[in-house]
Protein backbone atom coordinates (compact mmCIF):
# COMPACT_ATOMS: atom_id res chain seq x y z
CA UNK A 1 -29.32 -4.08 9.33
CA UNK A 2 -28.45 -5.04 5.51
CA UNK A 3 -30.30 -7.20 2.87
CA UNK A 4 -28.78 -8.48 -0.33
CA UNK A 5 -30.88 -7.80 -3.30
CA UNK A 6 -28.26 -8.76 -6.07
CA UNK A 7 -25.33 -10.94 -7.01
CA UNK A 8 -22.23 -10.42 -4.63
CA UNK A 9 -19.92 -12.57 -6.60
CA UNK A 10 -18.31 -9.56 -7.78
CA UNK A 11 -17.71 -8.02 -4.58
CA UNK A 12 -15.61 -11.22 -3.74
CA UNK A 13 -13.29 -10.56 -6.53
CA UNK A 14 -12.94 -6.85 -5.86
CA UNK A 15 -8.88 -6.15 -6.10
CA UNK A 16 -8.38 -4.15 -2.85
CA UNK A 17 -5.09 -3.03 -4.37
CA UNK A 18 -2.66 -4.28 -1.18
CA UNK A 19 -5.09 -2.47 0.78
CA UNK A 20 -6.11 -4.75 4.28
CA UNK A 21 -10.23 -3.73 3.89
CA UNK A 22 -12.52 -2.33 1.68
CA UNK A 23 -15.43 0.09 2.57
CA UNK A 24 -18.11 2.33 1.29
CA UNK A 25 -17.47 5.93 1.77
CA UNK A 26 -20.22 7.43 4.54
CA UNK A 27 -23.11 9.40 2.67
CA UNK A 28 -23.81 12.20 5.24
CA UNK A 29 -20.51 12.25 7.77
CA UNK A 30 -19.36 16.06 6.72
CA UNK A 31 -18.86 17.69 10.09
CA UNK A 32 -18.72 15.03 12.15
CA UNK A 33 -15.55 13.39 10.26
CA UNK A 34 -13.39 16.68 11.15
CA UNK A 35 -13.83 15.80 15.15
CA UNK A 36 -11.49 12.62 14.10
CA UNK A 37 -9.09 14.58 11.94
CA UNK A 38 -10.48 14.12 8.66
CA UNK A 39 -10.70 17.53 6.81
CA UNK A 40 -11.19 18.42 2.98
CA UNK A 41 -10.62 15.57 0.82
CA UNK A 42 -10.12 12.80 3.64
CA UNK A 43 -12.51 9.81 2.98
CA UNK A 44 -14.59 9.05 5.98
CA UNK A 45 -16.04 5.42 5.31
CA UNK A 46 -19.27 3.52 6.60
CA UNK A 47 -18.82 0.19 8.32
CA UNK A 48 -22.36 -1.04 7.24
CA UNK A 49 -20.29 -3.56 4.82
CA UNK A 50 -16.49 -4.25 5.42
CA UNK A 51 -14.52 -6.16 3.09
CA UNK A 52 -11.45 -7.93 4.45
CA UNK A 53 -8.04 -9.09 3.04
CA UNK A 54 -7.26 -11.58 5.89
CA UNK A 55 -3.85 -12.11 4.20
CA UNK A 56 -3.01 -8.28 4.54
CA UNK A 57 -4.43 -8.12 8.01
CA UNK A 58 -2.50 -10.70 9.64
CA UNK A 59 0.74 -10.33 7.73
CA UNK A 60 1.01 -6.17 8.70
CA UNK A 61 -0.22 -7.03 12.14
CA UNK A 62 -3.43 -5.07 11.89
CA UNK A 63 -5.25 -6.68 14.83
CA UNK A 64 -2.41 -5.93 17.07
CA UNK A 65 -2.49 -2.07 15.78
CA UNK A 66 -6.25 -2.12 16.88
CA UNK A 67 -5.64 -3.41 19.84
CA UNK A 68 -2.76 -1.48 20.97
CA UNK A 69 -5.12 2.27 19.82
CA UNK A 70 -8.07 0.42 21.80
CA UNK A 71 -5.94 0.18 24.87
CA UNK A 72 -3.43 3.09 24.59
CA UNK A 73 -5.31 5.89 22.62
CA UNK A 74 -9.04 5.75 22.49
CA UNK A 75 -11.69 3.01 22.67
CA UNK A 76 -14.86 4.76 23.31
CA UNK A 77 -15.76 6.19 20.03
CA UNK A 78 -18.97 7.99 19.28
CA UNK A 79 -19.63 5.68 16.24
CA UNK A 80 -17.94 2.84 17.69
CA UNK A 81 -16.28 0.32 15.21
CA UNK A 82 -16.99 2.81 12.35
CA UNK A 83 -14.55 5.26 13.83
CA UNK A 84 -11.89 2.81 14.99
CA UNK A 85 -11.63 1.43 11.58
CA UNK A 86 -11.39 4.87 10.06
CA UNK A 87 -8.78 5.93 12.42
CA UNK A 88 -6.61 2.98 12.72
CA UNK A 89 -6.80 1.99 9.08
CA UNK A 90 -6.73 5.36 7.57
CA UNK A 91 -4.91 5.73 4.32
CA UNK A 92 -5.01 1.90 4.09
CA UNK A 93 -8.79 1.41 3.06
CA UNK A 94 -9.91 0.95 -0.66
CA UNK A 95 -13.17 2.69 -1.20
CA UNK A 96 -15.86 -0.07 -2.89
CA UNK A 97 -19.05 1.16 -4.76
CA UNK A 98 -21.43 2.56 -3.06
CA UNK A 99 -24.15 -0.43 -4.47
CA UNK A 100 -22.46 -2.54 -1.99
CA UNK A 101 -23.58 -0.35 0.89
CA UNK A 102 -26.46 1.58 -0.38
CA UNK A 103 -27.52 3.88 2.62
CA UNK A 104 -30.98 4.93 3.28
CA UNK A 105 -30.60 8.90 2.03
CA UNK A 106 -30.37 7.42 -1.57
CA UNK A 107 -33.81 5.98 -1.15
CA UNK A 108 -35.02 9.20 0.42
CA UNK A 109 -33.77 11.40 -2.29
CA UNK A 110 -33.37 11.28 -6.24
CA UNK A 111 -29.58 12.01 -7.08
CA UNK A 112 -30.73 15.80 -8.06
CA UNK A 113 -31.90 16.59 -4.95
CA UNK A 114 -29.19 14.83 -2.99
CA UNK A 115 -26.39 17.11 -4.98
CA UNK A 116 -28.31 20.26 -4.60
CA UNK A 117 -27.86 19.79 -0.71
CA UNK A 118 -25.09 17.53 -0.50
CA UNK A 119 -21.88 18.69 -2.40
CA UNK A 120 -19.07 16.31 -1.36
CA UNK A 121 -15.54 16.59 -3.13
CA UNK A 122 -14.83 13.27 -1.83
CA UNK A 123 -18.18 11.44 -3.17
CA UNK A 124 -19.32 10.16 -5.98
CA UNK A 125 -20.17 11.87 -9.41
CA UNK A 126 -23.65 12.62 -10.25
CA UNK A 127 -23.32 9.66 -13.34
CA UNK A 128 -21.64 7.37 -10.85
CA UNK A 129 -24.35 7.88 -8.24
CA UNK A 130 -27.06 7.43 -10.46
CA UNK A 131 -25.47 4.16 -11.95
CA UNK A 132 -24.65 2.92 -8.24
CA UNK A 133 -28.42 3.88 -6.91
CA UNK A 134 -30.03 1.96 -9.83
CA UNK A 135 -28.03 -1.14 -9.30
CA UNK A 136 -27.99 -1.49 -5.43
CA UNK A 137 -26.76 -5.06 -4.43
CA UNK A 138 -26.35 -4.71 -0.42
CA UNK A 139 -28.75 -2.24 1.11
CA UNK A 140 -28.01 -0.67 4.36
CA UNK A 141 -30.91 0.20 6.74
CA UNK A 142 -29.42 3.19 8.54
CA UNK A 143 -31.48 5.12 11.01
CA UNK A 144 -33.60 7.51 9.27
CA UNK A 145 -35.44 10.33 11.09
CA UNK A 146 -34.70 8.50 14.24
CA UNK A 147 -36.34 4.87 12.83
CA UNK A 148 -35.30 1.45 11.61
CA UNK A 149 -37.85 -0.43 9.29
CA UNK A 150 -38.42 -2.82 11.95
CA UNK A 151 -40.09 -0.16 13.99
CA UNK A 152 -44.06 0.11 14.49
CA UNK A 153 -45.34 2.26 11.15
CA UNK A 154 -42.13 3.24 10.22
CA UNK A 155 -41.48 5.80 7.69
CA UNK A 156 -37.98 4.84 6.70
CA UNK A 157 -37.26 4.94 3.14
CA UNK A 158 -36.38 1.06 2.97
CA UNK A 159 -39.47 0.08 5.37
CA UNK A 160 -41.09 -1.18 2.46
CA UNK A 161 -38.44 -3.42 1.13
CA UNK A 162 -37.75 -4.56 4.42
CA UNK A 163 -41.07 -5.62 5.05
CA UNK A 164 -41.15 -7.88 1.68
CA UNK A 165 -37.97 -9.79 2.75
CA UNK A 166 -39.04 -10.14 6.28
CA UNK A 167 -42.71 -11.94 4.96
CA UNK A 168 -40.17 -14.39 2.95
CA UNK A 169 -38.43 -15.41 5.89
CA UNK A 170 -38.43 -17.48 9.07
CA UNK A 171 -38.92 -14.33 11.19
CA UNK A 172 -42.25 -12.88 9.21
CA UNK A 173 -44.08 -13.30 12.30
CA UNK A 174 -41.85 -10.93 13.99
CA UNK A 175 -43.26 -8.24 16.18
CA UNK A 176 -42.34 -4.70 15.57
CA UNK A 177 -40.71 -2.67 18.13
CA UNK A 178 -41.74 0.98 19.28
CA UNK A 179 -39.97 3.72 17.64
CA UNK A 180 -38.60 7.01 19.30
CA UNK A 181 -41.02 9.75 19.73
CA UNK A 182 -38.77 12.34 20.76
CA UNK A 183 -39.63 15.67 19.78
CA UNK A 184 -36.77 16.11 17.63
CA UNK A 185 -37.36 13.06 15.50
CA UNK A 186 -41.08 13.43 15.51
CA UNK A 187 -40.71 17.06 13.77
CA UNK A 188 -38.53 15.52 11.37
CA UNK A 189 -41.01 12.89 10.56
CA UNK A 190 -43.49 15.46 9.87
CA UNK A 191 -41.47 17.66 7.81
CA UNK A 192 -40.06 14.55 5.43
CA UNK A 193 -43.80 13.98 4.90
CA UNK A 194 -45.00 17.31 4.19
CA UNK A 195 -42.56 19.77 2.94
CA UNK A 196 -40.67 19.62 -0.31
CA UNK A 197 -37.79 17.42 -0.38
CA UNK A 198 -35.01 19.65 -1.04
CA UNK A 199 -36.08 22.02 2.04
CA UNK A 200 -36.24 18.79 4.12
CA UNK A 201 -32.84 17.65 2.99
CA UNK A 202 -31.50 21.02 3.94
CA UNK A 203 -32.83 21.10 7.61
CA UNK A 204 -32.11 17.25 8.05
CA UNK A 205 -28.37 18.14 6.91
CA UNK A 206 -28.06 20.91 9.32
CA UNK A 207 -29.40 18.87 12.30
CA UNK A 208 -26.90 15.84 11.49
CA UNK A 209 -23.91 18.45 10.97
CA UNK A 210 -24.84 20.02 14.68
CA UNK A 211 -25.98 16.81 16.41
CA UNK A 212 -24.91 13.60 14.69
CA UNK A 213 -28.54 12.09 14.89
CA UNK A 214 -27.96 9.58 12.28
């Protein structure tokens, strides 16, 4: 569910500063992170891209720590491996630039619209966000309004980009999937198309905070 649209050479040489993994902060996990014990300036990361330092992983037995956590503490996380990585590697994750995991919301909203609704202490500044969104390298097709770009008649923010790259691939004949037409998602799509974007984002944020739809 990602496409690389730029050079990833610099990503390979990122200094993780002795951390075992590097990840990009999650764009939308506000209320949800509190369920895992993350509050205030604690960063909750998105697992769309993970950069591993396998030397650190093996030396400090992180595989064993993950296995023990799954066996002895908890395995059935709502967001699966993303929650697991955040909990087990807490305080041992190096933040990467947003350009290496540019999530759907940043295609659906401008920097100004985003910051009018999402005011985060632990996210990027407006200036950083503007630079990162303009220089995206890895685009993450995170579900948006219940849709992915590979669904029929998708209104996903990255749908056009996905189609462009699909045509160039050996899977160009891929038959798109049926979308989820539940009432909540159907209403979201209508609002996305018809009301001012900032108003939509406020509703979208409220739904996300309450039900973790994304």
